[in-house]
Amino acid sequence: MIEIKQLYKQFANKIVFENYDNCFRASKCCVLGENGLGKTTLFTIIAGLDPHYHGQILLAGEHKPALQQCVALASDKVPFPQFLTARQILSMTSVSWQCEMPLALAQQFGFTGFLDTFVKDLSSGNHKKLQLLNAIMRNTPYLILDEPSAALDQAGVEVLCQWLASFSGQVLISSHEPQPFLDIGFTTQPLFSTD
């Protein structure tokens, strides 16, 4: 369960969240909301990548001082160094988080042939696969995927859904094309309640 209490977040003159409360209880949840409402901002806060907010993020009812230890995020907002290869990115994550490189999943994604490609030369679809592999390999109990099917081909979406169906932790995603995820048991929940 991921719970947000009294969240306040502002960018310059724009208040994104003010006294925001929400609780994501479903083990597989697709967060719904129009572009620009703050889904990606919320995801980066939950993942511990944005410390500039007020409020509480609770995981299973507990405050975790190091959210990054518990939550992995795949998002376009997490930049990779352009001068490194995909293999170097995954290798750095493997060393930092003491986890195995996901070579079997990379093969299923059809990504093995791109492991030695520089990040700057990856197509948008292969960049998305690198994001997903980099987050998934950390094997955290909470996984957040920001628009995971964007730029993926049909085969890539099928591989991702197959992997997610067997994942035992909690997953939050955002998606403008949620049907493949709904087909494997994801529920939907609005970013903002309409009550």
N, C-alpha and C. Protein backbone atom coordinates (compact mmCIF):
# COMPACT_ATOMS: atom_id res chain seq x y z
N MET A 1 0.84 -1.19 0.00
CA MET A 1 0.00 0.00 0.00
C MET A 1 0.89 1.25 0.00
N ILE A 2 0.59 2.17 -0.88
CA ILE A 2 1.30 3.45 -0.95
C ILE A 2 0.31 4.53 -0.55
N GLU A 3 0.66 5.27 0.49
CA GLU A 3 -0.25 6.30 1.01
C GLU A 3 0.45 7.65 0.97
N ILE A 4 -0.28 8.65 0.51
CA ILE A 4 0.23 10.02 0.44
C ILE A 4 -0.64 10.87 1.36
N LYS A 5 0.00 11.61 2.25
CA LYS A 5 -0.73 12.44 3.22
C LYS A 5 -0.26 13.89 3.16
N GLN A 6 -1.21 14.77 3.00
CA GLN A 6 -0.98 16.22 3.08
C GLN A 6 0.19 16.68 2.20
N LEU A 7 0.23 16.17 0.98
CA LEU A 7 1.32 16.51 0.06
C LEU A 7 1.15 17.92 -0.46
N TYR A 8 2.24 18.68 -0.40
CA TYR A 8 2.29 20.01 -1.00
C TYR A 8 3.53 20.06 -1.88
N LYS A 9 3.30 20.41 -3.15
CA LYS A 9 4.40 20.50 -4.11
C LYS A 9 4.14 21.67 -5.04
N GLN A 10 5.16 22.50 -5.21
CA GLN A 10 5.03 23.69 -6.05
C GLN A 10 6.24 23.82 -6.96
N PHE A 11 5.99 24.20 -8.23
CA PHE A 11 7.06 24.55 -9.17
C PHE A 11 6.89 26.03 -9.49
N ALA A 12 7.88 26.85 -9.13
CA ALA A 12 7.79 28.30 -9.37
C ALA A 12 6.44 28.80 -8.85
N ASN A 13 5.59 29.32 -9.74
CA ASN A 13 4.29 29.85 -9.30
C ASN A 13 3.16 28.85 -9.42
N LYS A 14 3.47 27.62 -9.85
CA LYS A 14 2.42 26.63 -10.06
C LYS A 14 2.38 25.63 -8.90
N ILE A 15 1.24 25.58 -8.21
CA ILE A 15 1.03 24.59 -7.16
C ILE A 15 0.48 23.34 -7.81
N VAL A 16 1.20 22.23 -7.69
CA VAL A 16 0.79 20.97 -8.31
C VAL A 16 -0.08 20.16 -7.34
N PHE A 17 0.36 20.09 -6.09
CA PHE A 17 -0.39 19.39 -5.06
C PHE A 17 -0.51 20.28 -3.83
N GLU A 18 -1.72 20.37 -3.28
CA GLU A 18 -1.95 21.13 -2.06
C GLU A 18 -2.89 20.34 -1.17
N ASN A 19 -2.38 19.97 0.01
CA ASN A 19 -3.16 19.12 0.94
C ASN A 19 -3.69 17.88 0.24
N TYR A 20 -2.82 17.26 -0.55
CA TYR A 20 -3.21 16.10 -1.37
C TYR A 20 -3.09 14.82 -0.55
N ASP A 21 -4.17 14.07 -0.52
CA ASP A 21 -4.20 12.76 0.14
C ASP A 21 -4.66 11.73 -0.88
N ASN A 22 -4.02 10.58 -0.87
CA ASN A 22 -4.47 9.47 -1.71
C ASN A 22 -3.85 8.19 -1.15
N CYS A 23 -4.51 7.09 -1.43
CA CYS A 23 -4.01 5.80 -0.98
C CYS A 23 -4.19 4.79 -2.11
N PHE A 24 -3.09 4.19 -2.54
CA PHE A 24 -3.12 3.19 -3.60
C PHE A 24 -2.98 1.83 -2.94
N ARG A 25 -4.09 1.12 -2.82
CA ARG A 25 -4.11 -0.17 -2.12
C ARG A 25 -3.92 -1.37 -3.05
N ALA A 26 -4.38 -1.25 -4.29
CA ALA A 26 -4.32 -2.37 -5.22
C ALA A 26 -2.87 -2.75 -5.52
N SER A 27 -2.64 -4.05 -5.66
CA SER A 27 -1.26 -4.49 -5.94
C SER A 27 -0.81 -4.09 -7.34
N LYS A 28 -1.78 -3.93 -8.25
CA LYS A 28 -1.47 -3.48 -9.61
C LYS A 28 -2.47 -2.37 -9.96
N CYS A 29 -1.97 -1.14 -10.06
CA CYS A 29 -2.86 0.01 -10.20
C CYS A 29 -2.40 0.93 -11.32
N CYS A 30 -3.34 1.31 -12.17
CA CYS A 30 -3.09 2.29 -13.23
C CYS A 30 -3.67 3.62 -12.77
N VAL A 31 -2.80 4.61 -12.58
CA VAL A 31 -3.21 5.93 -12.10
C VAL A 31 -3.66 6.75 -13.30
N LEU A 32 -4.90 7.23 -13.24
CA LEU A 32 -5.49 7.96 -14.36
C LEU A 32 -5.47 9.46 -14.11
N GLY A 33 -5.23 10.20 -15.17
CA GLY A 33 -5.27 11.66 -15.09
C GLY A 33 -4.75 12.24 -16.40
N GLU A 34 -5.28 13.41 -16.73
CA GLU A 34 -4.86 14.07 -17.97
C GLU A 34 -3.40 14.50 -17.88
N ASN A 35 -2.79 14.75 -19.02
CA ASN A 35 -1.42 15.26 -19.07
C ASN A 35 -1.34 16.56 -18.26
N GLY A 36 -0.25 16.71 -17.53
CA GLY A 36 -0.01 17.97 -16.82
C GLY A 36 -0.62 18.05 -15.44
N LEU A 37 -1.33 17.01 -15.00
CA LEU A 37 -1.96 17.06 -13.67
C LEU A 37 -0.99 16.71 -12.54
N GLY A 38 0.11 16.02 -12.85
CA GLY A 38 1.09 15.75 -11.82
C GLY A 38 1.41 14.29 -11.57
N LYS A 39 1.00 13.39 -12.48
CA LYS A 39 1.29 11.96 -12.26
C LYS A 39 2.79 11.71 -12.17
N THR A 40 3.55 12.23 -13.12
CA THR A 40 5.00 12.02 -13.12
C THR A 40 5.64 12.66 -11.90
N THR A 41 5.19 13.83 -11.53
CA THR A 41 5.70 14.49 -10.33
C THR A 41 5.45 13.64 -9.09
N LEU A 42 4.24 13.11 -8.98
CA LEU A 42 3.92 12.24 -7.84
C LEU A 42 4.81 11.00 -7.84
N PHE A 43 4.99 10.40 -9.01
CA PHE A 43 5.81 9.20 -9.12
C PHE A 43 7.26 9.46 -8.67
N THR A 44 7.84 10.61 -9.07
CA THR A 44 9.22 10.90 -8.68
C THR A 44 9.32 11.16 -7.18
N ILE A 45 8.28 11.72 -6.59
CA ILE A 45 8.27 11.93 -5.13
C ILE A 45 8.19 10.59 -4.40
N ILE A 46 7.27 9.72 -4.83
CA ILE A 46 7.12 8.41 -4.19
C ILE A 46 8.42 7.61 -4.29
N ALA A 47 9.11 7.74 -5.43
CA ALA A 47 10.36 6.99 -5.65
C ALA A 47 11.56 7.60 -4.94
N GLY A 48 11.36 8.72 -4.25
CA GLY A 48 12.45 9.33 -3.50
C GLY A 48 13.41 10.13 -4.34
N LEU A 49 13.02 10.49 -5.56
CA LEU A 49 13.91 11.23 -6.45
C LEU A 49 13.70 12.74 -6.38
N ASP A 50 12.66 13.18 -5.69
CA ASP A 50 12.38 14.61 -5.54
C ASP A 50 12.11 14.89 -4.06
N PRO A 51 13.11 15.42 -3.36
CA PRO A 51 12.92 15.68 -1.92
C PRO A 51 12.26 17.03 -1.62
N HIS A 52 11.95 17.80 -2.66
CA HIS A 52 11.45 19.16 -2.47
C HIS A 52 9.92 19.19 -2.41
N TYR A 53 9.39 18.73 -1.30
CA TYR A 53 7.94 18.71 -1.08
C TYR A 53 7.69 18.70 0.43
N HIS A 54 6.45 18.93 0.79
CA HIS A 54 6.02 18.79 2.17
C HIS A 54 4.94 17.72 2.20
N GLY A 55 4.89 16.94 3.25
CA GLY A 55 3.89 15.88 3.38
C GLY A 55 4.56 14.57 3.70
N GLN A 56 3.78 13.51 3.66
CA GLN A 56 4.28 12.18 4.00
C GLN A 56 3.99 11.17 2.90
N ILE A 57 4.96 10.31 2.67
CA ILE A 57 4.80 9.15 1.80
C ILE A 57 4.97 7.93 2.70
N LEU A 58 3.94 7.10 2.78
CA LEU A 58 3.98 5.91 3.62
C LEU A 58 3.91 4.66 2.75
N LEU A 59 4.77 3.70 3.04
CA LEU A 59 4.77 2.41 2.36
C LEU A 59 4.35 1.36 3.37
N ALA A 60 3.24 0.67 3.10
CA ALA A 60 2.68 -0.31 4.04
C ALA A 60 2.49 0.31 5.42
N GLY A 61 2.07 1.58 5.43
CA GLY A 61 1.77 2.27 6.68
C GLY A 61 2.97 2.83 7.41
N GLU A 62 4.16 2.70 6.84
CA GLU A 62 5.37 3.15 7.52
C GLU A 62 6.09 4.23 6.71
N HIS A 63 6.69 5.17 7.45
CA HIS A 63 7.54 6.18 6.83
C HIS A 63 8.91 5.56 6.59
N LYS A 64 9.36 5.58 5.35
CA LYS A 64 10.68 5.03 4.99
C LYS A 64 11.60 6.21 4.66
N PRO A 65 12.65 6.43 5.45
CA PRO A 65 13.53 7.57 5.19
C PRO A 65 14.27 7.45 3.85
N ALA A 66 14.49 6.25 3.36
CA ALA A 66 15.20 6.06 2.08
C ALA A 66 14.25 5.37 1.10
N LEU A 67 13.38 6.16 0.49
CA LEU A 67 12.39 5.60 -0.44
C LEU A 67 13.04 4.87 -1.61
N GLN A 68 14.20 5.35 -2.06
CA GLN A 68 14.86 4.73 -3.21
C GLN A 68 15.26 3.28 -2.94
N GLN A 69 15.39 2.91 -1.66
CA GLN A 69 15.72 1.53 -1.33
C GLN A 69 14.54 0.59 -1.57
N CYS A 70 13.32 1.15 -1.58
CA CYS A 70 12.10 0.35 -1.65
C CYS A 70 11.35 0.50 -2.97
N VAL A 71 11.58 1.60 -3.68
CA VAL A 71 10.79 1.94 -4.86
C VAL A 71 11.71 2.13 -6.07
N ALA A 72 11.41 1.46 -7.17
CA ALA A 72 12.13 1.66 -8.43
C ALA A 72 11.21 2.36 -9.41
N LEU A 73 11.74 3.28 -10.17
CA LEU A 73 10.96 4.07 -11.12
C LEU A 73 11.56 3.97 -12.52
N ALA A 74 10.69 3.71 -13.50
CA ALA A 74 11.07 3.80 -14.91
C ALA A 74 10.29 4.98 -15.49
N SER A 75 11.02 5.99 -15.93
CA SER A 75 10.37 7.22 -16.42
C SER A 75 11.30 7.97 -17.35
N ASP A 76 10.72 8.70 -18.28
CA ASP A 76 11.51 9.57 -19.15
C ASP A 76 12.19 10.67 -18.34
N LYS A 77 11.69 10.94 -17.13
CA LYS A 77 12.25 11.99 -16.28
C LYS A 77 13.51 11.54 -15.55
N VAL A 78 13.89 10.27 -15.69
CA VAL A 78 15.13 9.77 -15.10
C VAL A 78 16.15 9.67 -16.23
N PRO A 79 17.01 10.68 -16.37
CA PRO A 79 17.93 10.68 -17.51
C PRO A 79 19.11 9.74 -17.32
N PHE A 80 19.54 9.15 -18.41
CA PHE A 80 20.74 8.33 -18.43
C PHE A 80 21.84 9.12 -19.14
N PRO A 81 23.11 8.96 -18.71
CA PRO A 81 24.21 9.64 -19.42
C PRO A 81 24.26 9.20 -20.88
N GLN A 82 24.23 10.16 -21.76
CA GLN A 82 24.16 9.88 -23.20
C GLN A 82 25.41 9.20 -23.75
N PHE A 83 26.56 9.37 -23.06
CA PHE A 83 27.84 8.87 -23.57
C PHE A 83 28.12 7.43 -23.12
N LEU A 84 27.21 6.84 -22.34
CA LEU A 84 27.38 5.46 -21.92
C LEU A 84 26.55 4.53 -22.79
N THR A 85 26.94 3.25 -22.82
CA THR A 85 26.13 2.27 -23.54
C THR A 85 25.05 1.73 -22.60
N ALA A 86 24.07 1.08 -23.18
CA ALA A 86 23.01 0.47 -22.38
C ALA A 86 23.60 -0.56 -21.41
N ARG A 87 24.55 -1.34 -21.87
CA ARG A 87 25.19 -2.34 -21.01
C ARG A 87 25.90 -1.66 -19.83
N GLN A 88 26.57 -0.54 -20.08
CA GLN A 88 27.25 0.17 -19.00
C GLN A 88 26.24 0.69 -17.96
N ILE A 89 25.10 1.19 -18.43
CA ILE A 89 24.05 1.66 -17.50
C ILE A 89 23.58 0.51 -16.62
N LEU A 90 23.25 -0.61 -17.24
CA LEU A 90 22.75 -1.76 -16.48
C LEU A 90 23.83 -2.33 -15.57
N SER A 91 25.07 -2.30 -16.02
CA SER A 91 26.17 -2.80 -15.20
C SER A 91 26.37 -1.92 -13.97
N MET A 92 26.26 -0.60 -14.13
CA MET A 92 26.37 0.31 -13.00
C MET A 92 25.26 0.06 -11.98
N THR A 93 24.05 -0.16 -12.47
CA THR A 93 22.94 -0.46 -11.58
C THR A 93 23.18 -1.78 -10.87
N SER A 94 23.69 -2.76 -11.60
CA SER A 94 23.99 -4.07 -11.02
C SER A 94 24.98 -3.96 -9.87
N VAL A 95 26.02 -3.16 -10.06
CA VAL A 95 27.03 -2.99 -9.01
C VAL A 95 26.46 -2.18 -7.85
N SER A 96 25.79 -1.07 -8.16
CA SER A 96 25.26 -0.19 -7.12
C SER A 96 24.23 -0.87 -6.23
N TRP A 97 23.34 -1.64 -6.85
CA TRP A 97 22.22 -2.24 -6.11
C TRP A 97 22.46 -3.72 -5.81
N GLN A 98 23.63 -4.22 -6.20
CA GLN A 98 23.99 -5.62 -5.96
C GLN A 98 22.88 -6.56 -6.47
N CYS A 99 22.56 -6.38 -7.73
CA CYS A 99 21.52 -7.21 -8.37
C CYS A 99 22.06 -7.72 -9.70
N GLU A 100 21.41 -8.73 -10.22
CA GLU A 100 21.84 -9.33 -11.49
C GLU A 100 21.36 -8.50 -12.67
N MET A 101 22.17 -8.47 -13.72
CA MET A 101 21.71 -7.85 -14.96
C MET A 101 20.60 -8.72 -15.55
N PRO A 102 19.53 -8.12 -16.01
CA PRO A 102 18.37 -8.89 -16.49
C PRO A 102 18.53 -9.34 -17.94
N LEU A 103 19.53 -10.17 -18.19
CA LEU A 103 19.84 -10.54 -19.57
C LEU A 103 18.73 -11.38 -20.22
N ALA A 104 18.06 -12.23 -19.43
CA ALA A 104 16.97 -13.04 -20.00
C ALA A 104 15.82 -12.14 -20.42
N LEU A 105 15.49 -11.15 -19.58
CA LEU A 105 14.40 -10.23 -19.93
C LEU A 105 14.81 -9.34 -21.11
N ALA A 106 16.07 -8.93 -21.14
CA ALA A 106 16.56 -8.14 -22.28
C ALA A 106 16.40 -8.93 -23.57
N GLN A 107 16.68 -10.24 -23.51
CA GLN A 107 16.51 -11.08 -24.70
C GLN A 107 15.05 -11.17 -25.10
N GLN A 108 14.15 -11.34 -24.12
CA GLN A 108 12.72 -11.39 -24.43
C GLN A 108 12.24 -10.09 -25.07
N PHE A 109 12.80 -8.98 -24.62
CA PHE A 109 12.45 -7.67 -25.17
C PHE A 109 13.04 -7.46 -26.57
N GLY A 110 13.95 -8.35 -26.99
CA GLY A 110 14.65 -8.14 -28.25
C GLY A 110 15.67 -7.02 -28.14
N PHE A 111 16.22 -6.85 -26.94
CA PHE A 111 17.11 -5.73 -26.66
C PHE A 111 18.59 -6.13 -26.63
N THR A 112 18.86 -7.42 -26.64
CA THR A 112 20.24 -7.90 -26.50
C THR A 112 21.17 -7.28 -27.53
N GLY A 113 20.71 -7.14 -28.75
CA GLY A 113 21.54 -6.58 -29.81
C GLY A 113 21.81 -5.09 -29.66
N PHE A 114 21.16 -4.44 -28.69
CA PHE A 114 21.34 -3.00 -28.49
C PHE A 114 22.09 -2.68 -27.20
N LEU A 115 22.55 -3.72 -26.48
CA LEU A 115 23.22 -3.50 -25.21
C LEU A 115 24.50 -2.67 -25.35
N ASP A 116 25.16 -2.77 -26.48
CA ASP A 116 26.40 -2.02 -26.67
C ASP A 116 26.19 -0.73 -27.48
N THR A 117 24.94 -0.31 -27.58
CA THR A 117 24.59 0.95 -28.24
C THR A 117 24.64 2.08 -27.22
N PHE A 118 25.19 3.22 -27.63
CA PHE A 118 25.20 4.38 -26.74
C PHE A 118 23.77 4.85 -26.50
N VAL A 119 23.52 5.35 -25.30
CA VAL A 119 22.18 5.84 -24.95
C VAL A 119 21.71 6.86 -25.98
N LYS A 120 22.61 7.75 -26.40
CA LYS A 120 22.23 8.81 -27.35
C LYS A 120 21.77 8.25 -28.70
N ASP A 121 22.14 7.01 -28.99
CA ASP A 121 21.79 6.42 -30.28
C ASP A 121 20.61 5.46 -30.22
N LEU A 122 20.05 5.26 -29.03
CA LEU A 122 18.90 4.36 -28.90
C LEU A 122 17.64 5.00 -29.46
N SER A 123 16.82 4.20 -30.11
CA SER A 123 15.50 4.67 -30.53
C SER A 123 14.65 4.91 -29.29
N SER A 124 13.53 5.58 -29.45
CA SER A 124 12.66 5.85 -28.29
C SER A 124 12.14 4.53 -27.69
N GLY A 125 11.84 3.55 -28.54
CA GLY A 125 11.37 2.26 -28.04
C GLY A 125 12.45 1.53 -27.26
N ASN A 126 13.69 1.55 -27.74
CA ASN A 126 14.78 0.89 -27.03
C ASN A 126 15.18 1.67 -25.78
N HIS A 127 15.03 2.97 -25.81
CA HIS A 127 15.27 3.77 -24.60
C HIS A 127 14.26 3.38 -23.52
N LYS A 128 13.02 3.17 -23.91
CA LYS A 128 11.98 2.75 -22.96
C LYS A 128 12.33 1.37 -22.39
N LYS A 129 12.81 0.47 -23.24
CA LYS A 129 13.19 -0.86 -22.76
C LYS A 129 14.34 -0.76 -21.75
N LEU A 130 15.30 0.13 -22.00
CA LEU A 130 16.39 0.33 -21.06
C LEU A 130 15.86 0.85 -19.72
N GLN A 131 14.95 1.81 -19.76
CA GLN A 131 14.33 2.32 -18.53
C GLN A 131 13.68 1.20 -17.73
N LEU A 132 12.90 0.38 -18.43
CA LEU A 132 12.18 -0.71 -17.77
C LEU A 132 13.14 -1.73 -17.17
N LEU A 133 14.14 -2.14 -17.95
CA LEU A 133 15.12 -3.11 -17.46
C LEU A 133 15.85 -2.56 -16.24
N ASN A 134 16.23 -1.29 -16.31
CA ASN A 134 16.98 -0.67 -15.22
C ASN A 134 16.17 -0.62 -13.92
N ALA A 135 14.87 -0.39 -14.02
CA ALA A 135 14.02 -0.36 -12.82
C ALA A 135 13.70 -1.77 -12.34
N ILE A 136 13.33 -2.64 -13.24
CA ILE A 136 12.92 -4.00 -12.89
C ILE A 136 14.04 -4.76 -12.21
N MET A 137 15.27 -4.60 -12.68
CA MET A 137 16.39 -5.39 -12.16
C MET A 137 16.69 -5.12 -10.70
N ARG A 138 16.24 -3.97 -10.18
CA ARG A 138 16.52 -3.64 -8.78
C ARG A 138 15.69 -4.49 -7.82
N ASN A 139 14.66 -5.14 -8.33
CA ASN A 139 13.88 -6.09 -7.54
C ASN A 139 13.36 -5.49 -6.24
N THR A 140 12.83 -4.28 -6.31
CA THR A 140 12.26 -3.61 -5.14
C THR A 140 10.82 -4.08 -4.94
N PRO A 141 10.29 -3.94 -3.71
CA PRO A 141 8.90 -4.36 -3.48
C PRO A 141 7.87 -3.43 -4.10
N TYR A 142 8.30 -2.22 -4.47
CA TYR A 142 7.41 -1.26 -5.12
C TYR A 142 8.03 -0.85 -6.45
N LEU A 143 7.22 -0.88 -7.51
CA LEU A 143 7.69 -0.57 -8.84
C LEU A 143 6.75 0.44 -9.47
N ILE A 144 7.30 1.53 -9.99
CA ILE A 144 6.49 2.57 -10.63
C ILE A 144 6.95 2.72 -12.07
N LEU A 145 6.00 2.60 -12.99
CA LEU A 145 6.30 2.67 -14.42
C LEU A 145 5.48 3.81 -15.03
N ASP A 146 6.16 4.84 -15.45
CA ASP A 146 5.53 6.03 -16.02
C ASP A 146 5.41 5.85 -17.53
N GLU A 147 4.18 5.67 -17.99
CA GLU A 147 3.90 5.42 -19.42
C GLU A 147 4.78 4.29 -19.96
N PRO A 148 4.69 3.09 -19.37
CA PRO A 148 5.59 2.00 -19.77
C PRO A 148 5.40 1.49 -21.19
N SER A 149 4.20 1.66 -21.75
CA SER A 149 3.98 1.13 -23.10
C SER A 149 4.25 2.16 -24.18
N ALA A 150 4.53 3.41 -23.78
CA ALA A 150 4.81 4.45 -24.77
C ALA A 150 6.06 4.09 -25.55
N ALA A 151 5.98 4.10 -26.85
CA ALA A 151 7.08 3.83 -27.79
C ALA A 151 7.42 2.34 -27.91
N LEU A 152 6.79 1.48 -27.10
CA LEU A 152 7.05 0.04 -27.23
C LEU A 152 6.23 -0.54 -28.37
N ASP A 153 6.80 -1.51 -29.06
CA ASP A 153 6.04 -2.23 -30.06
C ASP A 153 5.13 -3.25 -29.36
N GLN A 154 4.25 -3.87 -30.11
CA GLN A 154 3.29 -4.81 -29.54
C GLN A 154 3.98 -5.96 -28.81
N ALA A 155 5.05 -6.47 -29.40
CA ALA A 155 5.77 -7.58 -28.77
C ALA A 155 6.37 -7.14 -27.43
N GLY A 156 6.89 -5.91 -27.37
CA GLY A 156 7.45 -5.39 -26.13
C GLY A 156 6.40 -5.24 -25.05
N VAL A 157 5.22 -4.77 -25.44
CA VAL A 157 4.11 -4.63 -24.48
C VAL A 157 3.72 -6.00 -23.94
N GLU A 158 3.67 -7.00 -24.81
CA GLU A 158 3.31 -8.35 -24.38
C GLU A 158 4.34 -8.92 -23.41
N VAL A 159 5.62 -8.71 -23.67
CA VAL A 159 6.67 -9.17 -22.76
C VAL A 159 6.54 -8.48 -21.41
N LEU A 160 6.32 -7.17 -21.43
CA LEU A 160 6.17 -6.42 -20.19
C LEU A 160 4.97 -6.92 -19.39
N CYS A 161 3.84 -7.09 -20.05
CA CYS A 161 2.63 -7.55 -19.35
C CYS A 161 2.82 -8.95 -18.77
N GLN A 162 3.50 -9.80 -19.51
CA GLN A 162 3.76 -11.15 -19.02
C GLN A 162 4.62 -11.10 -17.76
N TRP A 163 5.62 -10.22 -17.77
CA TRP A 163 6.48 -10.09 -16.59
C TRP A 163 5.69 -9.50 -15.41
N LEU A 164 4.91 -8.46 -15.68
CA LEU A 164 4.14 -7.80 -14.61
C LEU A 164 3.11 -8.74 -13.99
N ALA A 165 2.54 -9.62 -14.79
CA ALA A 165 1.52 -10.55 -14.27
C ALA A 165 2.09 -11.44 -13.18
N SER A 166 3.40 -11.70 -13.23
CA SER A 166 4.00 -12.58 -12.22
C SER A 166 4.73 -11.81 -11.12
N PHE A 167 4.77 -10.50 -11.20
CA PHE A 167 5.47 -9.69 -10.20
C PHE A 167 4.67 -9.68 -8.90
N SER A 168 5.34 -9.97 -7.78
CA SER A 168 4.62 -10.11 -6.51
C SER A 168 4.54 -8.82 -5.70
N GLY A 169 5.26 -7.78 -6.10
CA GLY A 169 5.21 -6.52 -5.36
C GLY A 169 4.05 -5.65 -5.84
N GLN A 170 4.05 -4.39 -5.40
CA GLN A 170 3.02 -3.45 -5.83
C GLN A 170 3.54 -2.63 -7.00
N VAL A 171 2.68 -2.46 -8.01
CA VAL A 171 3.04 -1.71 -9.21
C VAL A 171 2.05 -0.57 -9.41
N LEU A 172 2.59 0.63 -9.61
CA LEU A 172 1.79 1.77 -10.06
C LEU A 172 2.26 2.11 -11.46
N ILE A 173 1.31 2.34 -12.35
CA ILE A 173 1.67 2.79 -13.70
C ILE A 173 0.77 3.97 -14.08
N SER A 174 1.21 4.70 -15.07
CA SER A 174 0.34 5.63 -15.77
C SER A 174 0.35 5.16 -17.22
N SER A 175 -0.78 5.28 -17.88
CA SER A 175 -0.82 4.85 -19.27
C SER A 175 -2.02 5.47 -19.97
N HIS A 176 -1.77 5.99 -21.15
CA HIS A 176 -2.87 6.49 -21.98
C HIS A 176 -3.50 5.36 -22.79
N GLU A 177 -2.86 4.19 -22.75
CA GLU A 177 -3.41 3.00 -23.40
C GLU A 177 -3.41 1.86 -22.38
N PRO A 178 -4.32 1.91 -21.39
CA PRO A 178 -4.25 0.97 -20.26
C PRO A 178 -4.78 -0.44 -20.54
N GLN A 179 -5.44 -0.67 -21.66
CA GLN A 179 -6.14 -1.94 -21.86
C GLN A 179 -5.26 -3.18 -21.68
N PRO A 180 -4.03 -3.22 -22.23
CA PRO A 180 -3.22 -4.42 -22.01
C PRO A 180 -2.96 -4.69 -20.52
N PHE A 181 -2.88 -3.63 -19.74
CA PHE A 181 -2.63 -3.78 -18.30
C PHE A 181 -3.91 -4.18 -17.57
N LEU A 182 -5.02 -3.65 -18.01
CA LEU A 182 -6.30 -4.04 -17.41
C LEU A 182 -6.57 -5.53 -17.68
N ASP A 183 -6.13 -6.00 -18.82
CA ASP A 183 -6.33 -7.41 -19.18
C ASP A 183 -5.56 -8.37 -18.27
N ILE A 184 -4.53 -7.87 -17.58
CA ILE A 184 -3.77 -8.75 -16.67
C ILE A 184 -4.06 -8.44 -15.21
N GLY A 185 -5.15 -7.73 -14.96
CA GLY A 185 -5.60 -7.54 -13.58
C GLY A 185 -5.34 -6.20 -12.94
N PHE A 186 -4.84 -5.24 -13.69
CA PHE A 186 -4.66 -3.90 -13.12
C PHE A 186 -6.02 -3.26 -12.87
N THR A 187 -6.12 -2.52 -11.78
CA THR A 187 -7.30 -1.70 -11.52
C THR A 187 -6.94 -0.26 -11.87
N THR A 188 -7.94 0.59 -11.99
CA THR A 188 -7.67 2.00 -12.26
C THR A 188 -8.06 2.83 -11.04
N GLN A 189 -7.34 3.92 -10.87
CA GLN A 189 -7.63 4.85 -9.79
C GLN A 189 -7.26 6.24 -10.26
N PRO A 190 -8.17 7.21 -10.10
CA PRO A 190 -7.84 8.57 -10.55
C PRO A 190 -6.78 9.22 -9.67
N LEU A 191 -5.97 10.07 -10.27
CA LEU A 191 -4.98 10.83 -9.52
C LEU A 191 -5.69 11.71 -8.50
N PHE A 192 -6.76 12.35 -8.94
CA PHE A 192 -7.57 13.18 -8.06
C PHE A 192 -8.96 12.61 -7.98
N SER A 193 -9.47 12.47 -6.77
CA SER A 193 -10.82 11.97 -6.58
C SER A 193 -11.82 12.99 -7.10
N THR A 194 -12.90 12.51 -7.68
CA THR A 194 -13.94 13.40 -8.21
C THR A 194 -15.06 13.62 -7.21
N ASP A 195 -14.86 13.17 -5.95
CA ASP A 195 -15.89 13.37 -4.93
C ASP A 195 -16.13 14.83 -4.66
